[in-house]
Amino acid sequence: MVHKRKILKPHIMNYIIMLVGGLLGIFLHSLVKVRQINRRLSTETYRSVFAEYWRSDWSTVLLSFAAVITAMFISTEFLDIKEDTPTPGNIAQLLQYKIATFIKTTFVIFGYCADSAISAFLSVTEKKLKDKALAGGIDPDKN
C-alpha cells in the first residue's frame, strides 16, 4: 500500500510564510534598536545593550509578536477579496460595505487606538542603561 504525502493546504502555507516574515521583521527591528541604543551609550558594549534589551524590553517584543499574529488574523479579509463584486454607489453604502467587508481589520484598529497611549511607555532599556552609567559617575549624554 502506497501512502501519499499530504501537502499543506495553500492557506496554511500562507500563514507559515506570514509568521516567518513577521518574526524576521521583529528580530531585524530589535537588532536595529539595539544598535541605535549602543551608538548613543558609549559606556556600554553591544553585548551588554543586547542583553539588557532582551531582559528589559521583552514586553515590547511580545507586543510585536502580538501585532504579527493580529495581522495574520485579519489577513483573510485581504486574501479573500473578490474583485468582481461591484462597489456600492453612495458614501453611506460604501462605508457600510467596507466596514462589513473588513470587520476584523476595523476592530483591530479600534483596539489599537484604544491602547496606543500605553504602548508608548513600554521601552525601558535606554533609561536603565543611562541610570547605570550615571550611578557609575558617567554622563552618557556627553559623548
Protein backbone atom coordinates (compact mmCIF):
# COMPACT_ATOMS: atom_id res chain seq x y z
CA MET A 1 0.00 0.00 0.00
CA VAL A 2 1.43 3.35 -1.09
CA HIS A 3 0.84 6.33 1.16
CA LYS A 4 0.56 9.72 -0.45
CA ARG A 5 2.24 12.59 1.32
CA LYS A 6 -0.14 15.28 2.37
CA ILE A 7 0.85 18.68 1.06
CA LEU A 8 -0.01 21.63 3.27
CA LYS A 9 -3.06 23.48 2.10
CA PRO A 10 -2.21 26.80 0.43
CA HIS A 11 -3.79 28.91 3.18
CA ILE A 12 -1.75 27.13 5.88
CA MET A 13 1.40 27.75 3.86
CA ASN A 14 0.42 31.45 3.64
CA TYR A 15 0.16 31.58 7.44
CA ILE A 16 3.57 29.95 7.84
CA ILE A 17 5.13 32.43 5.40
CA MET A 18 3.45 35.37 7.19
CA LEU A 19 4.64 34.12 10.59
CA VAL A 20 8.25 33.63 9.46
CA GLY A 21 8.25 37.04 7.76
CA GLY A 22 6.83 38.71 10.86
CA LEU A 23 9.34 37.04 13.17
CA LEU A 24 12.21 38.08 10.89
CA GLY A 25 10.89 41.65 10.95
CA ILE A 26 10.70 41.65 14.75
CA PHE A 27 14.26 40.33 15.04
CA LEU A 28 15.58 42.82 12.47
CA HIS A 29 13.93 45.75 14.23
CA SER A 30 15.28 44.57 17.59
CA LEU A 31 18.82 44.47 16.23
CA VAL A 32 18.43 47.97 14.75
CA LYS A 33 17.10 49.27 18.07
CA VAL A 34 19.99 47.68 20.00
CA ARG A 35 22.46 49.25 17.58
CA GLN A 36 20.86 52.69 17.98
CA ILE A 37 21.00 52.47 21.77
CA ASN A 38 24.60 51.21 21.64
CA ARG A 39 25.64 54.17 19.48
CA ARG A 40 24.15 56.65 21.99
CA LEU A 41 25.69 54.95 25.03
CA SER A 42 29.43 54.83 24.53
CA THR A 43 29.83 53.38 28.02
CA GLU A 44 28.21 50.07 27.05
CA THR A 45 29.25 47.22 24.79
CA TYR A 46 26.95 45.88 22.06
CA ARG A 47 26.64 42.62 24.00
CA SER A 48 25.56 44.38 27.21
CA VAL A 49 22.99 46.51 25.34
CA PHE A 50 21.68 43.41 23.55
CA ALA A 51 21.34 41.50 26.83
CA GLU A 52 19.67 44.43 28.59
CA TYR A 53 17.31 44.99 25.66
CA TRP A 54 16.02 41.40 25.73
CA ARG A 55 15.83 41.45 29.54
CA SER A 56 14.08 44.83 29.80
CA ASP A 57 12.07 45.14 26.61
CA TRP A 58 10.66 41.64 26.36
CA SER A 59 7.19 43.15 26.63
CA THR A 60 7.82 45.29 23.55
CA VAL A 61 8.97 42.23 21.61
CA LEU A 62 5.91 40.36 22.86
CA LEU A 63 3.71 43.20 21.60
CA SER A 64 5.42 43.00 18.22
CA PHE A 65 4.69 39.28 18.14
CA ALA A 66 1.05 40.00 19.01
CA ALA A 67 0.93 42.51 16.14
CA VAL A 68 2.16 39.81 13.73
CA ILE A 69 -0.46 37.37 15.00
CA THR A 70 -3.09 40.11 14.65
CA ALA A 71 -2.04 40.79 11.07
CA MET A 72 -2.31 37.08 10.35
CA PHE A 73 -5.80 37.11 11.90
CA ILE A 74 -7.05 39.89 9.64
CA SER A 75 -5.20 38.69 6.55
CA THR A 76 -8.12 36.57 5.36
CA GLU A 77 -10.10 39.74 4.71
CA PHE A 78 -7.44 40.82 2.23
CA LEU A 79 -6.63 37.40 0.78
CA ASP A 80 -10.30 36.69 0.06
CA ILE A 81 -11.14 39.95 -1.73
CA LYS A 82 -13.30 39.26 -4.74
CA GLU A 83 -12.54 41.79 -7.43
CA ASP A 84 -15.73 41.08 -9.37
CA THR A 85 -18.00 42.36 -6.56
CA PRO A 86 -19.48 45.75 -7.51
CA THR A 87 -18.65 48.66 -5.21
CA PRO A 88 -21.70 50.49 -3.80
CA GLY A 89 -22.52 53.91 -5.24
CA ASN A 90 -23.20 56.32 -2.38
CA ILE A 91 -20.91 57.09 0.55
CA ALA A 92 -23.14 55.55 3.25
CA GLN A 93 -23.40 52.25 1.40
CA LEU A 94 -19.68 52.34 0.62
CA LEU A 95 -18.77 52.82 4.31
CA GLN A 96 -21.16 50.07 5.36
CA TYR A 97 -19.74 47.77 2.67
CA LYS A 98 -16.12 48.47 3.65
CA ILE A 99 -16.74 48.07 7.40
CA ALA A 100 -18.70 44.85 6.81
CA THR A 101 -16.00 43.51 4.48
CA PHE A 102 -13.15 44.45 6.78
CA ILE A 103 -14.81 43.93 10.18
CA LYS A 104 -11.79 42.24 11.76
CA THR A 105 -9.49 44.99 10.50
CA THR A 106 -11.86 47.67 11.79
CA PHE A 107 -11.92 46.21 15.30
CA VAL A 108 -8.17 45.71 15.36
CA ILE A 109 -7.75 49.41 14.50
CA PHE A 110 -10.22 50.39 17.24
CA GLY A 111 -8.38 48.22 19.77
CA TYR A 112 -5.01 49.58 18.74
CA CYS A 113 -6.13 53.18 19.04
CA ALA A 114 -7.54 52.50 22.50
CA ASP A 115 -4.24 51.04 23.68
CA SER A 116 -1.71 53.23 21.82
CA ALA A 117 -1.05 55.57 24.73
CA ILE A 118 0.13 52.71 26.96
CA SER A 119 2.45 51.20 24.36
CA ALA A 120 4.34 54.48 24.04
CA PHE A 121 5.72 53.98 27.57
CA LEU A 122 6.96 50.38 27.35
CA SER A 123 10.58 50.84 26.27
CA VAL A 124 12.81 50.98 29.36
CA THR A 125 16.22 49.70 28.19
CA GLU A 126 17.83 53.06 27.43
CA LYS A 127 16.65 54.62 30.71
CA LYS A 128 18.04 51.68 32.74
CA LEU A 129 21.41 51.86 30.99
CA LYS A 130 21.59 55.65 31.41
CA ASP A 131 20.78 55.27 35.12
CA LYS A 132 23.53 52.63 35.38
CA ALA A 133 26.04 54.99 33.74
CA LEU A 134 25.00 57.90 35.97
CA ALA A 135 25.35 55.69 39.07
CA GLY A 136 28.89 54.94 37.88
CA GLY A 137 29.63 58.67 37.63
CA ILE A 138 29.46 58.88 33.84
CA ASP A 139 27.09 61.18 31.95
CA PRO A 140 26.08 59.12 28.87
CA ASP A 141 24.60 62.20 27.15
CA LYS A 142 28.04 63.81 26.90
CA ASN A 143 29.89 61.92 24.17
